């Protein structure tokens, strides 16, 4: 049997598998902590580039961008951010160093764009205001104290090219992306399932089973219906009356012609 015909025959099984994946995926999403995001962009600039060939400058800026991207996740950078005057809730990150480091790495995201010197910085937090405050503190540390994280001194400048912009609604986890993953996963698993188990006995169809159960239940109810004694008595009386009328149609000589008048 070709795949198209198999899919057509097993579409109820595929749909049932999709429902299972959808329910499990939604349950998993509901257990997640929804967070707002704040995104900004910074630019790494190396001064004195006119005296150096462009390729060397590009490689140097790329190195600095990659270095700062890694530094942002470090405990020392976290401590610098927390130590600023911005209104950051320190209790959110916990008390122990391990917990602080773990939550900080989930809060911040930094990615450098290759050969550009641009770093995209995202901050995720359950509170919109806190996400903005952390993003402002991160940019402040990068601008004022970046010399502490590299050895090129004052020849490196960092400027903000996109100020932090906070999302109006929680966008982590990404609901649309999660749904696409659920659909793709259910389709992939479903195709493998019907290909490995094409026999009818392995079909999965929740709706058919439910429909059969309802029908059987209704049939069982009909089988248990009892006719009240009053109705039974009325039916007997009706039969007796009908029988009496037919008898009266016969005359005393046994003539049955009256029945056909």
Protein backbone atom coordinates (compact mmCIF):
# COMPACT_ATOMS: atom_id res chain seq x y z
CA UNK A 1 0.00 0.00 0.00
CA UNK A 2 1.42 3.40 -0.99
CA UNK A 3 1.84 6.14 1.60
CA UNK A 4 -0.99 8.34 0.29
CA UNK A 5 -3.53 5.53 0.51
CA UNK A 6 -2.22 4.55 3.94
CA UNK A 7 -2.60 8.11 5.22
CA UNK A 8 -6.13 8.30 3.81
CA UNK A 9 -7.04 5.02 5.47
CA UNK A 10 -5.40 5.88 8.80
CA UNK A 11 -6.43 9.54 9.03
CA UNK A 12 -8.42 8.90 12.21
CA UNK A 13 -5.36 7.34 13.82
CA UNK A 14 -3.21 10.29 12.76
CA UNK A 15 -5.76 12.74 14.14
CA UNK A 16 -5.96 10.86 17.43
CA UNK A 17 -2.17 10.91 17.78
CA UNK A 18 -2.20 14.66 17.06
CA UNK A 19 -4.75 15.18 19.85
CA UNK A 20 -2.56 13.25 22.29
CA UNK A 21 0.48 15.37 21.41
CA UNK A 22 -1.60 18.56 21.58
CA UNK A 23 -2.97 17.81 25.04
CA UNK A 24 0.43 16.81 26.41
CA UNK A 25 2.06 19.87 24.83
CA UNK A 26 -0.53 22.26 26.26
CA UNK A 27 -0.20 20.69 29.70
CA UNK A 28 3.56 21.18 29.50
CA UNK A 29 3.15 24.82 28.42
CA UNK A 30 0.81 25.51 31.31
CA UNK A 31 3.48 24.36 33.76
CA UNK A 32 5.98 26.87 32.36
CA UNK A 33 6.66 30.29 33.84
CA UNK A 34 5.57 32.83 31.24
CA UNK A 35 7.97 35.75 30.88
CA UNK A 36 8.14 39.16 29.24
CA UNK A 37 11.14 40.05 27.11
CA UNK A 38 13.18 43.19 26.65
CA UNK A 39 15.46 43.45 23.61
CA UNK A 40 18.27 45.87 22.83
CA UNK A 41 21.33 46.15 20.57
CA UNK A 42 24.82 47.42 21.33
CA UNK A 43 27.70 48.18 18.99
CA UNK A 44 31.33 47.43 19.74
CA UNK A 45 33.73 49.97 18.23
CA UNK A 46 37.52 49.92 18.23
CA UNK A 47 39.11 53.34 17.92
CA UNK A 48 42.21 53.96 15.83
CA UNK A 49 40.93 51.67 13.10
CA UNK A 50 42.22 54.04 10.41
CA UNK A 51 45.79 53.00 11.13
CA UNK A 52 45.01 49.26 10.83
CA UNK A 53 43.85 47.29 7.83
CA UNK A 54 40.07 46.62 7.72
CA UNK A 55 40.44 42.85 7.99
CA UNK A 56 42.35 43.11 11.28
CA UNK A 57 39.80 45.55 12.65
CA UNK A 58 36.96 43.24 11.66
CA UNK A 59 38.61 40.28 13.33
CA UNK A 60 39.30 42.32 16.47
CA UNK A 61 35.72 43.59 16.72
CA UNK A 62 34.39 40.09 16.14
CA UNK A 63 36.64 38.79 18.91
CA UNK A 64 35.48 41.49 21.32
CA UNK A 65 31.82 40.89 20.52
CA UNK A 66 32.18 37.17 21.10
CA UNK A 67 34.13 37.77 24.32
CA UNK A 68 31.56 40.18 25.75
CA UNK A 69 28.76 37.82 24.78
CA UNK A 70 30.35 35.12 26.91
CA UNK A 71 31.15 37.53 29.75
CA UNK A 72 27.50 38.57 30.09
CA UNK A 73 26.63 35.08 31.39
CA UNK A 74 29.34 35.12 34.07
CA UNK A 75 28.80 35.54 37.81
CA UNK A 76 31.06 38.60 37.93
CA UNK A 77 28.96 40.37 35.32
CA UNK A 78 25.79 39.41 37.22
CA UNK A 79 27.22 40.92 40.41
CA UNK A 80 28.07 44.11 38.53
CA UNK A 81 24.50 44.36 37.20
CA UNK A 82 22.96 43.75 40.62
CA UNK A 83 25.28 46.36 42.13
CA UNK A 84 23.90 49.19 39.95
CA UNK A 85 21.36 51.74 41.13
CA UNK A 86 18.59 50.32 38.98
CA UNK A 87 15.54 48.95 40.77
CA UNK A 88 16.24 45.23 40.39
CA UNK A 89 14.55 42.65 42.63
CA UNK A 90 17.50 40.70 44.02
CA UNK A 91 15.24 38.15 45.74
CA UNK A 92 14.17 36.82 42.33
CA UNK A 93 17.62 35.28 41.81
CA UNK A 94 17.69 33.44 45.14
CA UNK A 95 20.32 33.25 47.87
CA UNK A 96 22.88 30.62 46.85
CA UNK A 97 25.52 31.27 44.19
CA UNK A 98 24.47 28.19 42.22
CA UNK A 99 20.83 29.30 42.09
CA UNK A 100 21.80 32.85 41.15
CA UNK A 101 23.95 31.62 38.29
CA UNK A 102 21.27 29.25 37.05
CA UNK A 103 18.49 31.85 37.08
CA UNK A 104 20.74 34.53 35.58
CA UNK A 105 21.55 32.33 32.59
CA UNK A 106 17.82 31.83 32.03
CA UNK A 107 17.18 35.56 32.40
CA UNK A 108 19.77 36.87 29.94
CA UNK A 109 20.47 36.03 26.31
CA UNK A 110 23.30 37.55 24.26
CA UNK A 111 24.16 36.80 20.63
CA UNK A 112 26.79 38.51 18.51
CA UNK A 113 26.19 39.12 14.81
CA UNK A 114 29.12 37.81 12.81
CA UNK A 115 31.55 40.41 11.38
CA UNK A 116 29.39 43.33 12.54
CA UNK A 117 30.35 44.16 16.13
CA UNK A 118 26.65 44.14 17.06
CA UNK A 119 25.38 42.22 20.07
CA UNK A 120 21.71 41.41 20.51
CA UNK A 121 20.74 41.33 24.17
CA UNK A 122 17.46 39.90 25.45
CA UNK A 123 16.23 39.84 29.03
CA UNK A 124 13.38 37.59 30.19
CA UNK A 125 11.43 38.10 33.40
CA UNK A 126 7.90 37.38 34.68
CA UNK A 127 7.54 41.10 35.41
CA UNK A 128 7.67 43.60 32.55
CA UNK A 129 9.18 46.38 34.65
CA UNK A 130 11.91 44.15 36.06
CA UNK A 131 12.88 43.01 32.57
CA UNK A 132 13.36 46.65 31.53
CA UNK A 133 15.39 47.48 34.64
CA UNK A 134 17.73 44.53 34.14
CA UNK A 135 18.20 45.38 30.45
CA UNK A 136 19.10 48.99 31.31
CA UNK A 137 21.58 47.79 33.95
CA UNK A 138 23.23 45.35 31.51
CA UNK A 139 23.73 48.08 28.91
CA UNK A 140 25.04 50.46 31.57
CA UNK A 141 27.71 47.97 32.71
CA UNK A 142 28.77 47.24 29.13
CA UNK A 143 29.17 50.94 28.36
CA UNK A 144 30.91 52.04 31.57
CA UNK A 145 32.85 48.95 32.73
CA UNK A 146 33.62 46.92 29.63
CA UNK A 147 37.35 47.56 30.19
CA UNK A 148 37.16 45.15 33.14
CA UNK A 149 36.43 42.27 30.78
CA UNK A 150 39.04 42.72 28.05
CA UNK A 151 42.66 43.91 27.78
CA UNK A 152 42.36 46.61 25.13
CA UNK A 153 41.66 49.46 27.52
CA UNK A 154 40.09 52.70 26.34
CA UNK A 155 40.58 51.92 22.64
CA UNK A 156 37.25 50.08 22.71
CA UNK A 157 33.98 51.95 22.84
CA UNK A 158 30.48 50.53 23.26
CA UNK A 159 27.32 52.36 22.33
CA UNK A 160 23.64 51.43 22.40
CA UNK A 161 22.09 51.46 18.94
CA UNK A 162 18.66 50.13 20.04
CA UNK A 163 17.37 51.07 23.47
CA UNK A 164 15.64 48.32 25.48
CA UNK A 165 12.11 47.69 24.23
CA UNK A 166 9.82 45.61 26.43
CA UNK A 167 7.14 43.30 25.05
CA UNK A 168 3.51 44.09 25.83
CA UNK A 169 2.67 40.42 26.46
CA UNK A 170 4.60 37.39 27.74
CA UNK A 171 6.41 35.77 24.82
CA UNK A 172 8.45 33.06 26.48
CA UNK A 173 7.77 30.27 25.89
CA UNK A 174 6.85 31.06 22.31
CA UNK A 175 3.31 29.68 21.87
CA UNK A 176 3.35 29.72 18.05
CA UNK A 177 6.72 27.97 17.90
CA UNK A 178 5.54 25.41 20.44
CA UNK A 179 2.41 24.64 18.41
CA UNK A 180 4.48 24.17 15.26
CA UNK A 181 6.74 21.75 17.12
CA UNK A 182 3.70 19.84 18.40
CA UNK A 183 2.22 19.56 14.90
CA UNK A 184 5.52 18.47 13.35
CA UNK A 185 6.23 15.95 16.12
CA UNK A 186 2.75 14.43 16.00
CA UNK A 187 2.90 14.12 12.21
CA UNK A 188 6.35 12.52 12.30
CA UNK A 189 5.40 10.07 15.06
CA UNK A 190 2.04 9.34 13.42
CA UNK A 191 3.56 8.49 10.05
CA UNK A 192 6.08 6.16 11.66
CA UNK A 193 3.31 4.52 13.71
CA UNK A 194 0.97 3.78 10.80
CA UNK A 195 3.90 2.61 8.67
CA UNK A 196 5.15 0.15 11.30
CA UNK A 197 1.66 -0.95 12.40
CA UNK A 198 -0.65 -0.86 9.34
CA UNK A 199 -3.00 -3.55 10.67
CA UNK A 200 -6.51 -2.47 11.70
CA UNK A 201 -6.10 -3.85 15.20
CA UNK A 202 -3.53 -1.11 15.91
CA UNK A 203 -5.85 1.72 14.86
CA UNK A 204 -6.33 4.54 17.36
CA UNK A 205 -9.71 6.24 17.18
CA UNK A 206 -11.05 7.84 20.32
CA UNK A 207 -14.22 9.12 18.66
CA UNK A 208 -15.32 5.77 17.27
CA UNK A 209 -14.87 4.09 20.62
CA UNK A 210 -16.85 6.83 22.31
CA UNK A 211 -19.62 6.61 19.71
CA UNK A 212 -19.85 2.83 20.11
CA UNK A 213 -19.94 3.21 23.88
CA UNK A 214 -22.82 5.70 23.65
CA UNK A 215 -24.76 3.46 21.26
CA UNK A 216 -24.27 0.40 23.47
CA UNK A 217 -25.32 2.40 26.49
CA UNK A 218 -28.50 3.60 24.79
CA UNK A 219 -29.32 0.08 23.65
CA UNK A 220 -28.86 -1.16 27.17
CA UNK A 221 -31.21 1.53 28.45
CA UNK A 222 -33.83 0.59 25.87
CA UNK A 223 -33.53 -3.05 26.88
CA UNK A 224 -34.16 -2.11 30.51
CA UNK A 225 -37.30 -0.03 29.79
CA UNK A 226 -40.31 -1.46 31.65
CA UNK A 227 -43.92 -0.86 30.66
CA UNK A 228 -46.07 0.32 33.58
CA UNK A 229 -48.91 -1.98 34.72
CA UNK A 230 -51.51 0.70 33.93
CA UNK A 231 -50.43 0.84 30.29
CA UNK A 232 -50.41 -2.97 30.13
CA UNK A 233 -53.99 -3.06 31.52
CA UNK A 234 -55.19 -0.49 28.98
CA UNK A 235 -53.65 -2.56 26.19
CA UNK A 236 -55.47 -5.72 27.42
CA UNK A 237 -58.79 -3.86 27.62
CA UNK A 238 -58.30 -2.58 24.07
CA UNK A 239 -57.70 -6.08 22.77
CA UNK A 240 -60.78 -7.41 24.60
CA UNK A 241 -62.99 -4.63 23.17
CA UNK A 242 -61.74 -5.29 19.67
CA UNK A 243 -62.41 -9.00 20.06
CA UNK A 244 -65.92 -8.31 21.42
CA UNK A 245 -66.80 -6.05 18.48
CA UNK A 246 -65.77 -8.74 16.03
CA UNK A 247 -67.88 -11.33 17.86
CA UNK A 248 -70.96 -9.10 17.84
CA UNK A 249 -70.63 -8.87 14.07
CA UNK A 250 -71.77 -12.48 13.78
CA UNK A 251 -75.55 -13.12 13.78
CA UNK A 252 -77.20 -15.94 15.73
CA UNK A 253 -77.15 -18.25 12.76
CA UNK A 254 -73.40 -17.96 12.45
CA UNK A 255 -73.66 -15.62 9.43
CA UNK A 256 -70.44 -13.59 9.12
CA UNK A 257 -71.68 -11.33 6.35
CA UNK A 258 -72.20 -8.51 8.88
CA UNK A 259 -68.43 -8.23 9.21
CA UNK A 260 -68.09 -7.13 5.58
CA UNK A 261 -70.88 -4.54 5.49
